[in-house]
N, C-alpha and C. Protein backbone atom coordinates (compact mmCIF):
# COMPACT_ATOMS: atom_id res chain seq x y z
N MET A 1 -0.95 102.48 87.52
CA MET A 1 -1.83 103.28 88.32
C MET A 1 -3.23 102.68 88.30
N PRO A 2 -3.98 102.87 89.36
CA PRO A 2 -5.33 102.33 89.40
C PRO A 2 -6.22 102.93 88.32
N ASP A 3 -7.18 102.15 87.89
CA ASP A 3 -8.12 102.57 86.87
C ASP A 3 -9.14 103.52 87.48
N ALA A 4 -9.17 104.75 87.00
CA ALA A 4 -10.08 105.75 87.53
C ALA A 4 -11.53 105.38 87.30
N GLY A 5 -11.82 104.51 86.34
CA GLY A 5 -13.19 104.14 86.04
C GLY A 5 -13.71 102.98 86.87
N GLN A 6 -12.86 102.41 87.71
CA GLN A 6 -13.25 101.26 88.52
C GLN A 6 -14.44 101.63 89.42
N GLN A 7 -15.48 100.82 89.39
CA GLN A 7 -16.67 101.05 90.19
C GLN A 7 -16.60 100.22 91.46
N CYS A 8 -17.33 100.63 92.47
CA CYS A 8 -17.33 99.94 93.75
C CYS A 8 -18.76 99.78 94.21
N ASP A 9 -19.10 98.60 94.73
CA ASP A 9 -20.47 98.37 95.18
C ASP A 9 -20.72 98.84 96.61
N VAL A 10 -19.72 99.37 97.28
CA VAL A 10 -19.86 99.88 98.64
C VAL A 10 -20.23 101.36 98.56
N GLU A 11 -21.16 101.77 99.39
CA GLU A 11 -21.61 103.15 99.43
C GLU A 11 -20.42 104.07 99.73
N GLU A 12 -20.31 105.16 98.95
CA GLU A 12 -19.17 106.08 99.09
C GLU A 12 -19.02 106.60 100.51
N SER A 13 -20.10 106.83 101.20
CA SER A 13 -20.03 107.37 102.57
C SER A 13 -19.29 106.42 103.51
N ALA A 14 -19.23 105.12 103.15
CA ALA A 14 -18.55 104.14 104.00
C ALA A 14 -17.03 104.31 103.96
N TYR A 15 -16.51 104.96 102.94
CA TYR A 15 -15.05 105.09 102.83
C TYR A 15 -14.58 106.52 102.56
N LEU A 16 -15.46 107.49 102.62
CA LEU A 16 -15.10 108.88 102.32
C LEU A 16 -14.03 109.41 103.27
N SER A 17 -14.17 109.16 104.56
CA SER A 17 -13.17 109.69 105.50
C SER A 17 -11.82 109.03 105.29
N GLN A 18 -11.80 107.74 104.90
CA GLN A 18 -10.54 107.06 104.63
C GLN A 18 -9.88 107.63 103.37
N ALA A 19 -10.68 107.97 102.36
CA ALA A 19 -10.13 108.58 101.15
C ALA A 19 -9.52 109.94 101.47
N MET A 20 -10.15 110.70 102.35
CA MET A 20 -9.59 111.99 102.74
C MET A 20 -8.30 111.79 103.54
N GLU A 21 -8.26 110.72 104.32
CA GLU A 21 -7.04 110.39 105.06
C GLU A 21 -5.91 110.03 104.09
N VAL A 22 -6.21 109.23 103.07
CA VAL A 22 -5.22 108.89 102.06
C VAL A 22 -4.72 110.16 101.38
N ARG A 23 -5.64 111.07 101.04
CA ARG A 23 -5.26 112.34 100.40
C ARG A 23 -4.25 113.08 101.25
N GLU A 24 -4.49 113.15 102.55
CA GLU A 24 -3.56 113.87 103.44
C GLU A 24 -2.20 113.17 103.48
N HIS A 25 -2.19 111.85 103.50
CA HIS A 25 -0.91 111.12 103.46
C HIS A 25 -0.15 111.43 102.17
N LEU A 26 -0.86 111.45 101.06
CA LEU A 26 -0.22 111.76 99.77
C LEU A 26 0.31 113.19 99.76
N LYS A 27 -0.44 114.13 100.32
CA LYS A 27 0.01 115.52 100.37
C LYS A 27 1.26 115.66 101.23
N ASN A 28 1.38 114.81 102.24
CA ASN A 28 2.55 114.84 103.13
C ASN A 28 3.72 114.01 102.61
N HIS A 29 3.53 113.37 101.46
CA HIS A 29 4.56 112.51 100.87
C HIS A 29 4.91 111.33 101.78
N ASP A 30 3.94 110.83 102.51
CA ASP A 30 4.18 109.64 103.34
C ASP A 30 4.41 108.46 102.41
N GLU A 31 5.41 107.66 102.72
CA GLU A 31 5.78 106.55 101.84
C GLU A 31 5.09 105.25 102.18
N GLN A 32 4.74 105.04 103.43
CA GLN A 32 4.01 103.85 103.84
C GLN A 32 2.94 104.26 104.84
N PHE A 33 1.72 103.83 104.59
CA PHE A 33 0.62 104.12 105.50
C PHE A 33 -0.52 103.17 105.22
N SER A 34 -1.49 103.14 106.13
CA SER A 34 -2.67 102.30 105.92
C SER A 34 -3.89 102.99 106.50
N VAL A 35 -5.04 102.59 106.01
CA VAL A 35 -6.33 103.09 106.52
C VAL A 35 -7.21 101.88 106.79
N GLU A 36 -8.15 102.06 107.72
CA GLU A 36 -9.06 100.97 108.09
C GLU A 36 -10.50 101.39 107.82
N ILE A 37 -11.28 100.44 107.31
CA ILE A 37 -12.70 100.67 107.07
C ILE A 37 -13.46 99.58 107.80
N ALA A 38 -14.38 99.97 108.66
CA ALA A 38 -15.16 99.01 109.44
C ALA A 38 -16.45 98.65 108.71
N PHE A 39 -16.84 97.38 108.83
CA PHE A 39 -18.07 96.87 108.20
C PHE A 39 -18.82 95.98 109.18
N GLU A 40 -20.12 95.88 108.98
CA GLU A 40 -20.90 94.90 109.73
C GLU A 40 -20.72 93.52 109.12
N ASN A 41 -20.70 93.49 107.78
CA ASN A 41 -20.51 92.23 107.04
C ASN A 41 -19.33 92.42 106.10
N GLU A 42 -18.68 91.34 105.77
CA GLU A 42 -17.55 91.40 104.85
C GLU A 42 -18.01 91.94 103.49
N PRO A 43 -17.29 92.91 102.92
CA PRO A 43 -17.68 93.45 101.62
C PRO A 43 -17.58 92.37 100.53
N GLU A 44 -18.48 92.45 99.54
CA GLU A 44 -18.50 91.45 98.46
C GLU A 44 -17.24 91.51 97.61
N ASN A 45 -16.79 92.70 97.27
CA ASN A 45 -15.62 92.88 96.40
C ASN A 45 -14.61 93.81 97.07
N PRO A 46 -13.86 93.31 98.05
CA PRO A 46 -12.93 94.19 98.77
C PRO A 46 -11.84 94.78 97.89
N GLY A 47 -11.46 94.10 96.81
CA GLY A 47 -10.45 94.64 95.90
C GLY A 47 -10.93 95.91 95.22
N GLU A 48 -12.21 95.97 94.88
CA GLU A 48 -12.78 97.17 94.26
C GLU A 48 -12.72 98.35 95.21
N LEU A 49 -12.89 98.08 96.50
CA LEU A 49 -12.85 99.15 97.49
C LEU A 49 -11.47 99.79 97.56
N VAL A 50 -10.42 99.01 97.36
CA VAL A 50 -9.06 99.55 97.35
C VAL A 50 -8.95 100.64 96.29
N TYR A 51 -9.43 100.35 95.09
CA TYR A 51 -9.39 101.32 93.99
C TYR A 51 -10.32 102.50 94.25
N ALA A 52 -11.48 102.23 94.80
CA ALA A 52 -12.45 103.30 95.05
C ALA A 52 -11.90 104.32 96.04
N VAL A 53 -11.24 103.84 97.09
CA VAL A 53 -10.66 104.75 98.09
C VAL A 53 -9.56 105.59 97.45
N TYR A 54 -8.66 104.94 96.71
CA TYR A 54 -7.59 105.69 96.06
C TYR A 54 -8.16 106.70 95.07
N ASN A 55 -9.06 106.28 94.20
CA ASN A 55 -9.62 107.18 93.18
C ASN A 55 -10.31 108.37 93.82
N LYS A 56 -11.01 108.16 94.92
CA LYS A 56 -11.66 109.27 95.62
C LYS A 56 -10.60 110.21 96.22
N SER A 57 -9.48 109.66 96.66
CA SER A 57 -8.45 110.47 97.30
C SER A 57 -7.75 111.41 96.31
N VAL A 58 -7.71 111.03 95.04
CA VAL A 58 -7.04 111.87 94.03
C VAL A 58 -8.06 112.51 93.08
N GLU A 59 -9.29 112.55 93.49
CA GLU A 59 -10.34 113.18 92.69
C GLU A 59 -10.12 114.70 92.64
N HIS A 60 -10.49 115.30 91.53
CA HIS A 60 -10.37 116.75 91.36
C HIS A 60 -11.25 117.46 92.39
N THR A 61 -10.66 118.42 93.10
CA THR A 61 -11.39 119.15 94.15
C THR A 61 -11.44 120.65 93.89
N GLY A 62 -10.69 121.13 92.92
CA GLY A 62 -10.56 122.56 92.72
C GLY A 62 -9.37 123.14 93.46
N ASN A 63 -8.77 122.37 94.33
CA ASN A 63 -7.56 122.77 95.07
C ASN A 63 -6.36 122.37 94.22
N PRO A 64 -5.47 123.31 93.90
CA PRO A 64 -4.33 122.97 93.03
C PRO A 64 -3.32 122.02 93.65
N ASP A 65 -3.42 121.75 94.94
CA ASP A 65 -2.52 120.81 95.60
C ASP A 65 -3.11 119.40 95.66
N GLU A 66 -4.26 119.20 95.04
CA GLU A 66 -4.93 117.91 95.11
C GLU A 66 -5.22 117.40 93.70
N GLY A 67 -6.11 116.45 93.59
CA GLY A 67 -6.51 115.93 92.28
C GLY A 67 -5.35 115.41 91.46
N ASP A 68 -5.29 115.84 90.21
CA ASP A 68 -4.23 115.39 89.30
C ASP A 68 -2.84 115.75 89.81
N TYR A 69 -2.72 116.85 90.56
CA TYR A 69 -1.41 117.22 91.09
C TYR A 69 -0.86 116.10 91.98
N LEU A 70 -1.72 115.54 92.83
CA LEU A 70 -1.29 114.42 93.67
C LEU A 70 -1.03 113.17 92.85
N LYS A 71 -1.96 112.85 91.96
CA LYS A 71 -1.86 111.63 91.17
C LYS A 71 -0.59 111.63 90.32
N LEU A 72 -0.28 112.75 89.68
CA LEU A 72 0.89 112.81 88.80
C LEU A 72 2.20 113.01 89.55
N GLY A 73 2.12 113.28 90.84
CA GLY A 73 3.32 113.39 91.66
C GLY A 73 3.84 112.04 92.14
N ILE A 74 3.08 110.98 91.84
CA ILE A 74 3.45 109.63 92.28
C ILE A 74 4.23 108.93 91.18
N TYR A 75 5.37 108.37 91.55
CA TYR A 75 6.16 107.59 90.62
C TYR A 75 5.68 106.13 90.61
N GLN A 76 5.59 105.54 91.79
CA GLN A 76 5.10 104.17 91.91
C GLN A 76 4.16 104.07 93.09
N LEU A 77 3.10 103.28 92.91
CA LEU A 77 2.11 103.10 93.96
C LEU A 77 1.81 101.62 94.12
N GLY A 78 1.95 101.15 95.33
CA GLY A 78 1.58 99.77 95.65
C GLY A 78 0.46 99.80 96.66
N MET A 79 -0.57 98.99 96.42
CA MET A 79 -1.70 98.92 97.35
C MET A 79 -2.00 97.46 97.63
N SER A 80 -2.32 97.17 98.88
CA SER A 80 -2.72 95.82 99.26
C SER A 80 -3.78 95.94 100.35
N PHE A 81 -4.47 94.84 100.62
CA PHE A 81 -5.48 94.89 101.67
C PHE A 81 -5.56 93.56 102.39
N GLU A 82 -6.13 93.62 103.58
CA GLU A 82 -6.45 92.42 104.33
C GLU A 82 -7.78 92.64 105.03
N ILE A 83 -8.52 91.56 105.22
CA ILE A 83 -9.77 91.59 105.94
C ILE A 83 -9.52 90.97 107.31
N VAL A 84 -9.91 91.69 108.36
CA VAL A 84 -9.69 91.22 109.72
C VAL A 84 -11.05 91.13 110.42
N SER A 85 -11.35 89.97 110.97
CA SER A 85 -12.59 89.77 111.73
C SER A 85 -12.24 89.67 113.19
N GLY A 86 -13.02 90.34 114.01
CA GLY A 86 -12.77 90.31 115.44
C GLY A 86 -14.04 90.52 116.22
N VAL A 87 -13.88 90.67 117.51
CA VAL A 87 -15.01 90.87 118.41
C VAL A 87 -15.78 92.15 118.04
N GLN A 88 -15.07 93.15 117.59
CA GLN A 88 -15.71 94.43 117.29
C GLN A 88 -16.18 94.53 115.84
N GLY A 89 -16.17 93.43 115.11
CA GLY A 89 -16.68 93.44 113.74
C GLY A 89 -15.60 93.14 112.72
N ILE A 90 -15.91 93.53 111.50
CA ILE A 90 -15.02 93.26 110.37
C ILE A 90 -14.41 94.57 109.91
N LYS A 91 -13.14 94.54 109.62
CA LYS A 91 -12.52 95.74 109.06
C LYS A 91 -11.61 95.34 107.91
N GLN A 92 -11.53 96.24 106.97
CA GLN A 92 -10.61 96.08 105.84
C GLN A 92 -9.48 97.07 106.06
N ILE A 93 -8.27 96.58 106.02
CA ILE A 93 -7.09 97.43 106.17
C ILE A 93 -6.45 97.54 104.79
N ILE A 94 -6.36 98.76 104.29
CA ILE A 94 -5.73 99.02 103.00
C ILE A 94 -4.37 99.65 103.27
N SER A 95 -3.33 99.01 102.75
CA SER A 95 -1.96 99.50 102.96
C SER A 95 -1.41 100.05 101.65
N TYR A 96 -0.63 101.12 101.77
CA TYR A 96 -0.06 101.81 100.62
C TYR A 96 1.45 101.91 100.76
N GLU A 97 2.14 101.73 99.65
CA GLU A 97 3.58 102.02 99.55
C GLU A 97 3.72 102.95 98.35
N VAL A 98 4.31 104.13 98.58
CA VAL A 98 4.33 105.16 97.55
C VAL A 98 5.74 105.69 97.36
N GLU A 99 6.13 105.83 96.09
CA GLU A 99 7.35 106.54 95.73
C GLU A 99 6.90 107.77 94.94
N TYR A 100 7.49 108.90 95.26
CA TYR A 100 7.10 110.16 94.64
C TYR A 100 8.17 110.63 93.65
N ASN A 101 7.77 111.51 92.76
CA ASN A 101 8.73 112.08 91.80
C ASN A 101 9.66 113.09 92.46
N SER A 102 9.23 113.67 93.57
CA SER A 102 10.07 114.63 94.31
C SER A 102 9.83 114.43 95.80
N SER A 103 10.74 114.96 96.59
CA SER A 103 10.59 114.86 98.05
C SER A 103 9.60 115.90 98.54
N LYS A 104 9.18 115.78 99.77
CA LYS A 104 8.25 116.75 100.37
C LYS A 104 8.89 118.14 100.39
N SER A 105 10.15 118.23 100.76
CA SER A 105 10.81 119.54 100.82
C SER A 105 10.94 120.15 99.42
N GLN A 106 11.24 119.32 98.42
CA GLN A 106 11.30 119.83 97.04
C GLN A 106 9.92 120.30 96.58
N ASP A 107 8.90 119.55 96.91
CA ASP A 107 7.54 119.93 96.53
C ASP A 107 7.15 121.25 97.21
N ASP A 108 7.48 121.40 98.49
CA ASP A 108 7.18 122.65 99.20
C ASP A 108 7.92 123.83 98.57
N GLU A 109 9.18 123.61 98.21
CA GLU A 109 9.97 124.67 97.57
C GLU A 109 9.34 125.06 96.22
N ALA A 110 8.90 124.08 95.46
CA ALA A 110 8.28 124.34 94.16
C ALA A 110 6.96 125.10 94.33
N LYS A 111 6.19 124.76 95.36
CA LYS A 111 4.92 125.46 95.61
C LYS A 111 5.17 126.91 95.97
N GLU A 112 6.21 127.15 96.78
CA GLU A 112 6.59 128.54 97.11
C GLU A 112 6.96 129.30 95.84
N LYS A 113 7.74 128.65 94.99
CA LYS A 113 8.15 129.29 93.74
C LYS A 113 6.93 129.57 92.85
N ALA A 114 6.00 128.63 92.78
CA ALA A 114 4.79 128.83 91.99
C ALA A 114 3.99 130.02 92.51
N ASP A 115 3.89 130.14 93.82
CA ASP A 115 3.17 131.28 94.42
C ASP A 115 3.85 132.60 94.06
N LYS A 116 5.18 132.62 94.09
CA LYS A 116 5.92 133.83 93.73
C LYS A 116 5.73 134.18 92.25
N ILE A 117 5.69 133.16 91.42
CA ILE A 117 5.49 133.38 89.98
C ILE A 117 4.11 133.98 89.74
N ILE A 118 3.10 133.43 90.41
CA ILE A 118 1.74 133.95 90.27
C ILE A 118 1.68 135.41 90.72
N GLU A 119 2.36 135.71 91.81
CA GLU A 119 2.41 137.10 92.29
C GLU A 119 3.12 137.98 91.26
N TYR A 120 4.23 137.51 90.72
CA TYR A 120 5.00 138.24 89.71
C TYR A 120 4.16 138.49 88.45
N LEU A 121 3.37 137.52 88.06
CA LEU A 121 2.56 137.65 86.84
C LEU A 121 1.38 138.60 87.02
N ASP A 122 1.06 138.94 88.27
CA ASP A 122 0.00 139.91 88.58
C ASP A 122 -1.27 139.60 87.78
N LEU A 123 -1.90 138.48 88.11
CA LEU A 123 -3.04 137.99 87.35
C LEU A 123 -4.39 138.55 87.80
N ASP A 124 -4.40 139.30 88.89
CA ASP A 124 -5.67 139.86 89.38
C ASP A 124 -6.32 140.72 88.31
N GLY A 125 -7.62 140.51 88.16
CA GLY A 125 -8.38 141.31 87.21
C GLY A 125 -8.27 140.87 85.76
N LYS A 126 -7.48 139.86 85.50
CA LYS A 126 -7.33 139.39 84.12
C LYS A 126 -8.36 138.30 83.82
N SER A 127 -8.70 138.16 82.56
CA SER A 127 -9.65 137.11 82.16
C SER A 127 -8.99 135.75 82.34
N ASP A 128 -9.80 134.70 82.34
CA ASP A 128 -9.26 133.35 82.45
C ASP A 128 -8.28 133.08 81.31
N TYR A 129 -8.63 133.52 80.11
CA TYR A 129 -7.76 133.34 78.95
C TYR A 129 -6.40 134.01 79.19
N GLU A 130 -6.42 135.25 79.68
CA GLU A 130 -5.17 135.98 79.93
C GLU A 130 -4.34 135.31 81.03
N LYS A 131 -5.02 134.79 82.05
CA LYS A 131 -4.32 134.09 83.12
C LYS A 131 -3.60 132.86 82.58
N ILE A 132 -4.35 132.06 81.83
CA ILE A 132 -3.77 130.83 81.27
C ILE A 132 -2.63 131.16 80.32
N LEU A 133 -2.83 132.15 79.48
CA LEU A 133 -1.79 132.54 78.53
C LEU A 133 -0.52 133.01 79.25
N ASN A 134 -0.68 133.80 80.29
CA ASN A 134 0.48 134.29 81.04
C ASN A 134 1.23 133.16 81.75
N ILE A 135 0.48 132.25 82.34
CA ILE A 135 1.11 131.12 83.03
C ILE A 135 1.82 130.22 82.02
N TYR A 136 1.11 129.90 80.95
CA TYR A 136 1.69 129.08 79.89
C TYR A 136 2.97 129.73 79.34
N SER A 137 2.90 131.01 79.06
CA SER A 137 4.05 131.72 78.49
C SER A 137 5.23 131.70 79.45
N TYR A 138 4.96 131.91 80.74
CA TYR A 138 6.04 131.88 81.72
C TYR A 138 6.76 130.52 81.68
N VAL A 139 5.97 129.45 81.75
CA VAL A 139 6.56 128.11 81.76
C VAL A 139 7.29 127.84 80.43
N ALA A 140 6.67 128.19 79.33
CA ALA A 140 7.28 127.93 78.01
C ALA A 140 8.61 128.66 77.84
N TYR A 141 8.73 129.87 78.36
CA TYR A 141 9.95 130.65 78.19
C TYR A 141 11.00 130.39 79.26
N ASN A 142 10.61 129.78 80.37
CA ASN A 142 11.55 129.60 81.47
C ASN A 142 11.95 128.17 81.77
N VAL A 143 11.34 127.22 81.11
CA VAL A 143 11.66 125.82 81.35
C VAL A 143 12.12 125.19 80.04
N VAL A 144 13.23 124.47 80.08
CA VAL A 144 13.71 123.76 78.90
C VAL A 144 13.46 122.27 79.10
N TYR A 145 13.32 121.58 77.99
CA TYR A 145 13.07 120.14 78.05
C TYR A 145 14.33 119.42 78.53
N ASP A 146 14.16 118.50 79.46
CA ASP A 146 15.29 117.79 80.07
C ASP A 146 15.64 116.53 79.27
N TYR A 147 16.37 116.73 78.20
CA TYR A 147 16.80 115.61 77.37
C TYR A 147 17.81 114.73 78.10
N ASP A 148 18.58 115.31 79.02
CA ASP A 148 19.61 114.56 79.72
C ASP A 148 19.03 113.47 80.63
N ARG A 149 17.90 113.76 81.28
CA ARG A 149 17.34 112.80 82.25
C ARG A 149 16.07 112.11 81.76
N LYS A 150 15.60 112.41 80.56
CA LYS A 150 14.30 111.88 80.12
C LYS A 150 14.23 110.36 80.12
N ASP A 151 15.33 109.68 79.87
CA ASP A 151 15.34 108.22 79.86
C ASP A 151 16.11 107.61 81.03
N ASP A 152 16.48 108.45 81.99
CA ASP A 152 17.24 108.00 83.15
C ASP A 152 16.31 107.31 84.14
N GLU A 153 16.48 106.02 84.33
CA GLU A 153 15.61 105.27 85.22
C GLU A 153 16.02 105.38 86.69
N THR A 154 17.11 106.07 86.98
CA THR A 154 17.56 106.22 88.37
C THR A 154 16.96 107.45 89.04
N THR A 155 16.27 108.28 88.29
CA THR A 155 15.67 109.49 88.85
C THR A 155 14.29 109.72 88.25
N GLN A 156 13.44 110.36 89.02
CA GLN A 156 12.11 110.73 88.54
C GLN A 156 11.85 112.22 88.74
N ILE A 157 12.83 112.92 89.26
CA ILE A 157 12.66 114.34 89.57
C ILE A 157 12.27 115.15 88.34
N GLU A 158 12.72 114.74 87.17
CA GLU A 158 12.42 115.48 85.94
C GLU A 158 10.93 115.50 85.62
N HIS A 159 10.16 114.65 86.28
CA HIS A 159 8.71 114.59 86.08
C HIS A 159 7.96 115.51 87.05
N SER A 160 8.68 116.28 87.85
CA SER A 160 8.05 117.06 88.92
C SER A 160 7.98 118.55 88.61
N MET A 161 7.12 119.21 89.37
CA MET A 161 7.03 120.66 89.29
C MET A 161 8.34 121.27 89.82
N TYR A 162 8.96 120.62 90.77
CA TYR A 162 10.23 121.10 91.30
C TYR A 162 11.26 121.26 90.18
N ALA A 163 11.39 120.23 89.34
CA ALA A 163 12.36 120.29 88.25
C ALA A 163 12.04 121.45 87.32
N ALA A 164 10.77 121.63 87.02
CA ALA A 164 10.37 122.69 86.08
C ALA A 164 10.62 124.08 86.66
N LEU A 165 10.15 124.32 87.87
CA LEU A 165 10.19 125.69 88.41
C LEU A 165 11.46 126.03 89.17
N CYS A 166 12.10 125.04 89.78
CA CYS A 166 13.30 125.33 90.58
C CYS A 166 14.59 125.02 89.84
N GLU A 167 14.55 124.06 88.93
CA GLU A 167 15.73 123.73 88.13
C GLU A 167 15.60 124.25 86.70
N ASN A 168 14.42 124.71 86.34
CA ASN A 168 14.12 125.23 84.99
C ASN A 168 14.41 124.21 83.90
N LYS A 169 14.22 122.92 84.24
CA LYS A 169 14.50 121.84 83.29
C LYS A 169 13.64 120.65 83.71
N ALA A 170 12.75 120.20 82.80
CA ALA A 170 11.84 119.10 83.13
C ALA A 170 11.35 118.42 81.86
N VAL A 171 10.69 117.28 82.03
CA VAL A 171 9.99 116.64 80.91
C VAL A 171 8.54 117.12 80.95
N CYS A 172 7.75 116.68 79.99
CA CYS A 172 6.40 117.22 79.81
C CYS A 172 5.54 117.16 81.07
N GLN A 173 5.69 116.13 81.88
CA GLN A 173 4.89 116.03 83.11
C GLN A 173 5.23 117.16 84.07
N GLY A 174 6.49 117.56 84.15
CA GLY A 174 6.88 118.69 84.99
C GLY A 174 6.27 119.99 84.51
N TYR A 175 6.22 120.16 83.19
CA TYR A 175 5.56 121.33 82.60
C TYR A 175 4.08 121.33 83.00
N ALA A 176 3.43 120.19 82.80
CA ALA A 176 1.99 120.08 83.05
C ALA A 176 1.65 120.32 84.52
N LEU A 177 2.43 119.75 85.42
CA LEU A 177 2.17 119.96 86.85
C LEU A 177 2.34 121.43 87.22
N SER A 178 3.31 122.09 86.64
CA SER A 178 3.54 123.51 86.92
C SER A 178 2.35 124.35 86.49
N ILE A 179 1.84 124.08 85.32
CA ILE A 179 0.69 124.84 84.82
C ILE A 179 -0.57 124.48 85.62
N TYR A 180 -0.74 123.20 85.93
CA TYR A 180 -1.89 122.76 86.73
C TYR A 180 -1.91 123.47 88.08
N ARG A 181 -0.77 123.51 88.74
CA ARG A 181 -0.68 124.11 90.08
C ARG A 181 -0.86 125.62 89.99
């Protein structure tokens, strides 16, 4: 995964809309996509911009469907770029290839289940501590550790919120995503 601490010498405003576009692609579970960034002059460190766009796209926003939820939902991420010069200027095209721990339909089903659990737990009016304790307790009592698939390299579903909430069996990442969401 890209280094979250990677710095970029390009002004954030130059790539903010592309980062938001990447975020939407990740939320939709798109497996291949690209974004373009236009420049007057070729950027000094175009490789850094690749990381900056991705890091901005998975930055914590306060929305439970974004931030770490997106980042931890990715099994494998490939990123590449090319610089194209033309009559209309210079653009950097960043291409992504993504494999997810669960499918879009599984993720949607898990989100529905999470919403029902929150409704069932009736958290309105409770302190933050009580909310966290209730959510934690629900997951701890309803999800078992998936020893059968923990080392299975043919599947990644056990790392998802879907496995935890819909199959009631996951590894620690599935637990964490469920509580995060």
